[in-house]
């Protein structure tokens, strides 16, 4: 079957993760050419090479060929195997970069995945581990991926540039996914958050909490922001602090926003008060954009809808991010599936910005390697 499947060809380094993840799930071989071919330092970066090694670890029998300059990558996917693994992530991107893709692949492994990832837990580029724990796990549960085996646990925090954090991600396997009808986000009932500080004064976390509350208290009373100050070995190798906020609605929608301080020795120093206020404003903006899934997890929910049973799934999203738009194009290439996209104006919904209603019929993807016990 793999021999018959036509090899997809792409050029450039953009959306490398999307392409590798979808190739692995669809079983289609993939060739990516001209990866940063015209730059002074051509080819794959260290974090991309680390990501390819991670894909190789969770699969069995994948064939990966990279030319000498690192500008061409050929990937023939093997079977998703899973099991207990460890991986050291490159410190130039945070663990969230790797974890986002693992969330897409983990439910379809042969054995339940239990992986320890080491590296940077919170940075300014990728979704942090805190946000993925608060938003992606409830999303997986909606599709029937739940149970005791589903968890993200932060053992150590690591801030850029040196990292030193460690997390555990465990996920059970499922044979099929449930279709979802998730069109009413509901009203917001509470706000939760985590203010963390490592290798700086514990007062930093309290200052962030107070400044964030000064804005959010005007909107609703039920706000609780935990302070998380890690000491010693569990505080990683670099100093830093940050804030992660989530707003939960009565229907179980979770919207998130986060900010982290500048890495040591880069950029101007950030005041914890400013960071707290800006993070609160980002959360309010995310609430205004609305939808049933926040902008971080749009591509995850669309993938799970695509792989559902042959039944209709609907999800209401806020404005689509450029990353999500490209993801829809890739879904069409790998799975030949198109979404019906209807725009909902603010007048119809009475709230926030423009929304889109995404509808599709799942392809009936079944986890063939899952052994029936």
Protein backbone atom coordinates (compact mmCIF):
# COMPACT_ATOMS: atom_id res chain seq x y z
CA UNK A 1 0.00 0.00 0.00
CA UNK A 2 2.83 2.36 0.83
CA UNK A 3 4.36 1.64 -2.56
CA UNK A 4 1.13 2.55 -4.35
CA UNK A 5 0.58 5.72 -2.34
CA UNK A 6 1.79 8.63 -4.37
CA UNK A 7 4.72 10.57 -2.89
CA UNK A 8 3.83 14.18 -2.04
CA UNK A 9 6.44 16.80 -2.83
CA UNK A 10 6.90 20.20 -1.16
CA UNK A 11 9.51 22.94 -1.22
CA UNK A 12 10.73 25.09 1.67
CA UNK A 13 10.97 24.71 5.43
CA UNK A 14 7.54 26.12 6.34
CA UNK A 15 4.99 23.85 8.07
CA UNK A 16 7.49 20.98 8.40
CA UNK A 17 5.70 19.58 11.46
CA UNK A 18 2.27 19.59 9.80
CA UNK A 19 3.61 17.71 6.80
CA UNK A 20 5.45 15.07 8.82
CA UNK A 21 2.49 14.49 11.18
CA UNK A 22 -0.05 14.15 8.35
CA UNK A 23 2.30 11.93 6.34
CA UNK A 24 2.65 9.65 9.37
CA UNK A 25 -1.13 9.41 9.92
CA UNK A 26 -2.03 8.97 6.23
CA UNK A 27 0.88 6.63 5.50
CA UNK A 28 1.92 8.66 2.46
CA UNK A 29 5.60 9.19 1.66
CA UNK A 30 6.82 12.75 1.55
CA UNK A 31 9.67 14.65 -0.07
CA UNK A 32 10.59 18.20 0.96
CA UNK A 33 13.14 20.05 -1.20
CA UNK A 34 14.94 23.40 -1.00
CA UNK A 35 14.92 23.64 2.80
CA UNK A 36 16.46 27.11 3.35
CA UNK A 37 18.47 26.52 0.15
CA UNK A 38 19.32 30.21 -0.39
CA UNK A 39 20.35 31.09 3.15
CA UNK A 40 23.93 31.38 4.38
CA UNK A 41 23.33 28.46 6.69
CA UNK A 42 21.23 26.12 4.53
CA UNK A 43 19.29 23.00 5.53
CA UNK A 44 17.44 21.79 8.59
CA UNK A 45 17.89 23.59 11.92
CA UNK A 46 18.78 21.67 15.07
CA UNK A 47 15.21 21.82 16.45
CA UNK A 48 13.82 20.37 13.19
CA UNK A 49 16.40 17.59 13.22
CA UNK A 50 15.42 16.89 16.85
CA UNK A 51 11.76 16.76 15.79
CA UNK A 52 12.56 14.26 13.02
CA UNK A 53 14.41 12.09 15.55
CA UNK A 54 11.34 12.21 17.82
CA UNK A 55 9.06 11.08 14.96
CA UNK A 56 11.53 8.26 14.31
CA UNK A 57 11.33 7.21 17.99
CA UNK A 58 7.52 7.00 18.15
CA UNK A 59 7.22 5.09 14.85
CA UNK A 60 8.50 1.70 13.81
CA UNK A 61 10.02 1.16 10.37
CA UNK A 62 10.08 4.76 9.15
CA UNK A 63 12.57 5.54 6.41
CA UNK A 64 14.17 8.98 6.65
CA UNK A 65 16.75 10.20 4.15
CA UNK A 66 18.42 13.62 4.36
CA UNK A 67 21.00 14.80 1.85
CA UNK A 68 24.45 16.08 2.91
CA UNK A 69 23.52 19.76 3.03
CA UNK A 70 20.26 19.04 4.85
CA UNK A 71 18.20 20.81 2.17
CA UNK A 72 16.25 17.74 0.98
CA UNK A 73 14.29 15.37 3.21
CA UNK A 74 12.61 12.13 2.14
CA UNK A 75 10.28 10.50 4.65
CA UNK A 76 8.45 7.22 4.29
CA UNK A 77 6.30 6.75 7.39
CA UNK A 78 6.28 3.56 9.39
CA UNK A 79 3.70 2.40 11.93
CA UNK A 80 3.02 4.43 15.07
CA UNK A 81 4.39 2.32 17.88
CA UNK A 82 4.43 4.34 21.13
CA UNK A 83 5.52 2.81 24.40
CA UNK A 84 7.75 4.35 27.09
CA UNK A 85 10.23 6.83 25.63
CA UNK A 86 12.53 9.73 26.49
CA UNK A 87 13.58 12.61 24.25
CA UNK A 88 15.88 15.60 24.72
CA UNK A 89 14.36 18.54 22.82
CA UNK A 90 16.53 21.22 21.27
CA UNK A 91 16.65 24.29 23.58
CA UNK A 92 16.14 26.67 20.63
CA UNK A 93 12.39 25.83 20.67
CA UNK A 94 10.23 24.93 23.64
CA UNK A 95 8.81 21.50 24.47
CA UNK A 96 5.42 22.79 23.23
CA UNK A 97 6.78 22.64 19.65
CA UNK A 98 7.20 18.86 20.00
CA UNK A 99 4.22 18.26 22.26
CA UNK A 100 1.71 19.84 19.84
CA UNK A 101 2.54 17.19 17.25
CA UNK A 102 2.59 14.36 19.79
CA UNK A 103 -0.96 15.32 20.81
CA UNK A 104 -2.02 14.67 17.19
CA UNK A 105 -0.27 11.29 16.96
CA UNK A 106 -0.55 9.80 20.46
CA UNK A 107 -4.15 8.42 20.28
CA UNK A 108 -3.26 6.27 17.24
CA UNK A 109 -0.22 4.42 18.60
CA UNK A 110 -0.04 0.66 18.97
CA UNK A 111 0.92 0.95 22.66
CA UNK A 112 -0.12 3.80 24.98
CA UNK A 113 2.49 6.54 24.77
CA UNK A 114 4.39 7.56 27.88
CA UNK A 115 7.17 9.98 27.05
CA UNK A 116 9.53 12.18 29.07
CA UNK A 117 10.54 15.36 27.21
CA UNK A 118 13.42 17.53 28.39
CA UNK A 119 14.17 21.11 27.35
CA UNK A 120 12.55 24.55 27.59
CA UNK A 121 9.03 24.40 29.11
CA UNK A 122 8.00 28.05 28.62
CA UNK A 123 9.19 30.50 26.00
CA UNK A 124 7.80 33.33 23.88
CA UNK A 125 7.45 31.42 20.60
CA UNK A 126 5.57 28.15 21.10
CA UNK A 127 2.57 27.29 23.26
CA UNK A 128 3.85 26.45 26.73
CA UNK A 129 3.29 23.15 28.47
CA UNK A 130 0.87 24.88 30.88
CA UNK A 131 -1.38 26.08 28.06
CA UNK A 132 -1.42 22.70 26.29
CA UNK A 133 -2.24 21.00 29.59
CA UNK A 134 -5.14 23.40 30.22
CA UNK A 135 -6.59 23.52 26.68
CA UNK A 136 -5.55 20.49 24.62
CA UNK A 137 -6.37 17.77 27.18
CA UNK A 138 -10.05 18.84 27.63
CA UNK A 139 -10.26 18.93 23.81
CA UNK A 140 -9.01 15.34 23.47
CA UNK A 141 -11.62 14.25 26.03
CA UNK A 142 -14.39 15.62 23.82
CA UNK A 143 -13.35 13.12 21.14
CA UNK A 144 -13.45 10.21 23.60
CA UNK A 145 -9.71 10.16 24.37
CA UNK A 146 -9.78 10.14 28.15
CA UNK A 147 -9.19 7.97 31.16
CA UNK A 148 -6.50 7.89 33.81
CA UNK A 149 -3.79 7.50 31.21
CA UNK A 150 -4.17 11.02 29.83
CA UNK A 151 -1.91 13.52 31.57
CA UNK A 152 0.76 16.18 31.20
CA UNK A 153 2.89 16.54 34.28
CA UNK A 154 5.54 19.23 34.76
CA UNK A 155 8.43 17.79 36.79
CA UNK A 156 10.82 20.70 36.25
CA UNK A 157 10.51 24.08 34.62
CA UNK A 158 13.12 25.31 32.17
CA UNK A 159 13.34 28.81 30.74
CA UNK A 160 15.32 29.79 27.64
CA UNK A 161 18.16 29.97 26.67
CA UNK A 162 19.46 26.93 28.56
CA UNK A 163 16.28 25.04 29.39
CA UNK A 164 16.64 22.23 31.89
CA UNK A 165 12.89 21.54 32.20
CA UNK A 166 11.27 18.12 32.15
CA UNK A 167 7.70 16.97 31.55
CA UNK A 168 5.86 13.68 31.32
CA UNK A 169 3.17 13.18 28.68
CA UNK A 170 0.99 10.08 28.74
CA UNK A 171 -1.92 9.29 26.44
CA UNK A 172 -4.11 6.18 26.01
CA UNK A 173 -4.80 4.73 22.55
CA UNK A 174 -8.19 4.66 20.85
CA UNK A 175 -9.45 2.59 17.93
CA UNK A 176 -11.88 5.23 16.66
CA UNK A 177 -12.76 8.83 17.57
CA UNK A 178 -16.23 10.12 18.37
CA UNK A 179 -17.76 12.80 16.12
CA UNK A 180 -18.43 16.11 17.90
CA UNK A 181 -21.04 18.86 17.65
CA UNK A 182 -19.40 21.76 19.39
CA UNK A 183 -21.08 24.94 18.22
CA UNK A 184 -22.03 26.87 21.36
CA UNK A 185 -19.07 28.10 23.40
CA UNK A 186 -21.28 29.35 26.25
CA UNK A 187 -20.68 32.15 28.72
CA UNK A 188 -17.45 32.42 30.69
CA UNK A 189 -17.79 31.28 34.29
CA UNK A 190 -14.28 31.37 35.71
CA UNK A 191 -10.67 32.27 35.05
CA UNK A 192 -7.77 30.16 36.24
CA UNK A 193 -4.07 30.69 35.80
CA UNK A 194 -0.54 29.88 36.81
CA UNK A 195 2.12 32.49 37.57
CA UNK A 196 5.49 30.79 37.62
CA UNK A 197 8.95 32.04 38.52
CA UNK A 198 12.26 30.21 38.41
CA UNK A 199 15.63 31.43 39.68
CA UNK A 200 14.18 34.88 40.49
CA UNK A 201 12.50 36.26 43.63
CA UNK A 202 9.24 34.44 44.49
CA UNK A 203 7.69 37.92 44.79
CA UNK A 204 7.69 38.15 40.97
CA UNK A 205 4.82 35.67 40.74
CA UNK A 206 2.71 37.58 43.28
CA UNK A 207 3.28 40.86 41.44
CA UNK A 208 2.07 39.30 38.18
CA UNK A 209 -1.03 37.89 39.86
CA UNK A 210 -1.99 41.25 41.35
CA UNK A 211 -1.59 43.18 38.09
CA UNK A 212 -3.55 40.58 36.10
CA UNK A 213 -6.35 40.59 38.65
CA UNK A 214 -6.55 44.40 38.57
CA UNK A 215 -7.86 44.07 35.00
CA UNK A 216 -9.81 40.80 35.15
CA UNK A 217 -11.68 41.58 38.39
CA UNK A 218 -13.74 44.18 36.51
CA UNK A 219 -15.30 41.37 34.47
CA UNK A 220 -15.99 38.46 36.78
CA UNK A 221 -15.39 37.47 40.40
CA UNK A 222 -14.32 33.82 40.11
CA UNK A 223 -10.60 34.24 39.42
CA UNK A 224 -7.91 32.06 40.90
CA UNK A 225 -4.28 32.28 39.80
CA UNK A 226 -1.85 29.81 41.35
CA UNK A 227 1.73 30.85 42.02
CA UNK A 228 4.32 28.25 41.15
CA UNK A 229 7.81 28.96 42.40
CA UNK A 230 10.21 26.10 41.73
CA UNK A 231 13.49 25.83 43.64
CA UNK A 232 16.76 23.98 43.28
CA UNK A 233 17.07 21.28 40.65
CA UNK A 234 13.47 21.64 39.46
CA UNK A 235 13.96 25.28 38.44
CA UNK A 236 16.03 24.55 35.32
CA UNK A 237 19.18 26.37 34.26
CA UNK A 238 18.03 29.90 33.37
CA UNK A 239 16.10 32.58 35.30
CA UNK A 240 12.69 33.79 34.14
CA UNK A 241 9.01 34.20 34.97
CA UNK A 242 5.71 34.20 33.17
CA UNK A 243 1.95 33.88 33.35
CA UNK A 244 -0.54 31.52 31.76
CA UNK A 245 -4.28 32.32 32.01
CA UNK A 246 -7.31 30.25 30.95
CA UNK A 247 -10.97 31.21 30.80
CA UNK A 248 -13.51 28.38 31.13
CA UNK A 249 -17.12 28.55 29.97
CA UNK A 250 -20.25 26.80 31.20
CA UNK A 251 -20.09 24.47 28.16
CA UNK A 252 -16.52 23.37 28.76
CA UNK A 253 -14.72 25.62 26.28
CA UNK A 254 -11.25 26.65 27.45
CA UNK A 255 -9.59 29.77 26.01
CA UNK A 256 -6.01 30.63 26.90
CA UNK A 257 -3.36 33.34 26.79
CA UNK A 258 0.20 33.41 28.03
CA UNK A 259 3.32 35.55 28.22
CA UNK A 260 6.88 34.86 29.35
CA UNK A 261 9.74 37.19 30.27
CA UNK A 262 12.57 37.83 27.81
CA UNK A 263 15.36 35.22 27.93
CA UNK A 264 18.41 36.12 29.99
CA UNK A 265 20.66 38.50 28.08
CA UNK A 266 18.16 39.15 25.26
CA UNK A 267 15.98 42.22 24.91
CA UNK A 268 14.96 44.67 27.62
CA UNK A 269 13.96 43.53 31.09
CA UNK A 270 10.20 43.15 31.56
CA UNK A 271 8.39 44.26 34.70
CA UNK A 272 6.16 41.58 36.20
CA UNK A 273 3.34 44.18 36.54
CA UNK A 274 3.45 44.92 32.80
CA UNK A 275 3.58 41.26 31.91
CA UNK A 276 0.56 40.49 34.10
CA UNK A 277 -1.53 43.28 32.59
CA UNK A 278 -0.57 42.42 29.01
CA UNK A 279 -1.38 38.76 29.57
CA UNK A 280 -4.82 39.69 30.98
CA UNK A 281 -5.47 41.84 27.88
CA UNK A 282 -4.40 38.98 25.61
CA UNK A 283 -6.90 36.70 27.36
CA UNK A 284 -9.69 39.25 26.85
CA UNK A 285 -8.75 39.46 23.18
CA UNK A 286 -8.93 35.66 22.89
CA UNK A 287 -12.37 35.76 24.53
CA UNK A 288 -13.44 38.42 22.02
CA UNK A 289 -12.27 36.23 19.14
CA UNK A 290 -14.19 33.45 20.83
CA UNK A 291 -15.21 30.17 19.25
CA UNK A 292 -15.24 26.81 21.00
CA UNK A 293 -11.50 26.25 20.61
CA UNK A 294 -8.78 28.84 21.16
CA UNK A 295 -6.38 29.80 18.39
CA UNK A 296 -3.59 27.53 19.69
CA UNK A 297 -5.59 24.34 19.16
CA UNK A 298 -7.48 25.08 15.94
CA UNK A 299 -5.39 22.68 13.85
CA UNK A 300 -5.65 19.92 16.49
CA UNK A 301 -9.45 20.04 16.55
CA UNK A 302 -9.66 20.07 12.73
CA UNK A 303 -7.38 17.02 12.53
CA UNK A 304 -9.41 15.08 15.10
CA UNK A 305 -12.63 15.96 13.21
CA UNK A 306 -11.06 14.71 9.97
CA UNK A 307 -10.01 11.41 11.53
CA UNK A 308 -13.42 10.82 13.21
CA UNK A 309 -15.98 8.23 12.19
CA UNK A 310 -17.95 8.69 8.97
CA UNK A 311 -20.30 11.12 10.61
CA UNK A 312 -20.78 14.88 10.64
CA UNK A 313 -18.65 16.93 13.04
CA UNK A 314 -19.17 20.65 13.60
CA UNK A 315 -17.02 23.12 15.50
CA UNK A 316 -17.37 26.88 15.85
CA UNK A 317 -14.00 28.65 15.70
CA UNK A 318 -12.85 32.24 16.00
CA UNK A 319 -10.99 33.82 13.05
CA UNK A 320 -8.68 31.21 11.50
CA UNK A 321 -4.95 31.73 12.04
CA UNK A 322 -2.63 31.59 8.98
CA UNK A 323 -1.19 28.33 10.39
CA UNK A 324 -4.69 26.79 10.45
CA UNK A 325 -5.46 27.91 6.89
CA UNK A 326 -2.32 26.15 5.65
CA UNK A 327 -3.27 23.12 7.74
CA UNK A 328 -6.63 22.89 5.90
CA UNK A 329 -4.74 22.86 2.59
CA UNK A 330 -2.53 20.06 3.85
CA UNK A 331 -5.54 18.05 5.05
CA UNK A 332 -6.90 18.23 1.51
CA UNK A 333 -3.58 17.01 0.06
CA UNK A 334 -3.08 14.12 2.47
CA UNK A 335 -6.64 12.96 3.19
CA UNK A 336 -8.64 14.46 0.24
CA UNK A 337 -11.04 16.04 2.70
CA UNK A 338 -12.62 19.49 2.44
CA UNK A 339 -14.39 21.40 5.19
CA UNK A 340 -17.57 23.36 4.72
CA UNK A 341 -16.79 26.83 6.08
CA UNK A 342 -19.62 29.21 7.02
CA UNK A 343 -18.92 32.64 8.45
CA UNK A 344 -21.03 33.86 11.32
CA UNK A 345 -21.22 37.62 11.74
CA UNK A 346 -21.12 39.15 15.24
CA UNK A 347 -24.82 40.17 14.89
CA UNK A 348 -25.93 36.53 14.57
CA UNK A 349 -23.84 35.41 17.51
CA UNK A 350 -24.28 38.60 19.61
CA UNK A 351 -20.69 38.30 20.77
CA UNK A 352 -17.15 39.20 19.83
CA UNK A 353 -15.49 39.02 16.46
CA UNK A 354 -16.40 37.10 13.32
CA UNK A 355 -16.62 33.34 13.75
CA UNK A 356 -16.46 30.43 11.34
CA UNK A 357 -18.47 27.24 11.56
CA UNK A 358 -16.38 24.31 10.31
CA UNK A 359 -18.26 21.20 9.20
CA UNK A 360 -16.86 17.96 7.81
CA UNK A 361 -17.61 14.26 7.54
CA UNK A 362 -14.85 12.18 9.12
CA UNK A 363 -12.86 9.77 6.96
CA UNK A 364 -13.53 6.88 9.35
CA UNK A 365 -9.87 6.58 10.36
CA UNK A 366 -9.31 3.46 12.42
CA UNK A 367 -6.26 2.63 14.51
CA UNK A 368 -5.28 -0.59 12.75
CA UNK A 369 -2.27 -1.31 14.91
CA UNK A 370 -4.24 -1.25 18.18
CA UNK A 371 -4.43 -4.81 19.44
CA UNK A 372 -7.89 -5.92 20.54
CA UNK A 373 -7.86 -7.34 24.03
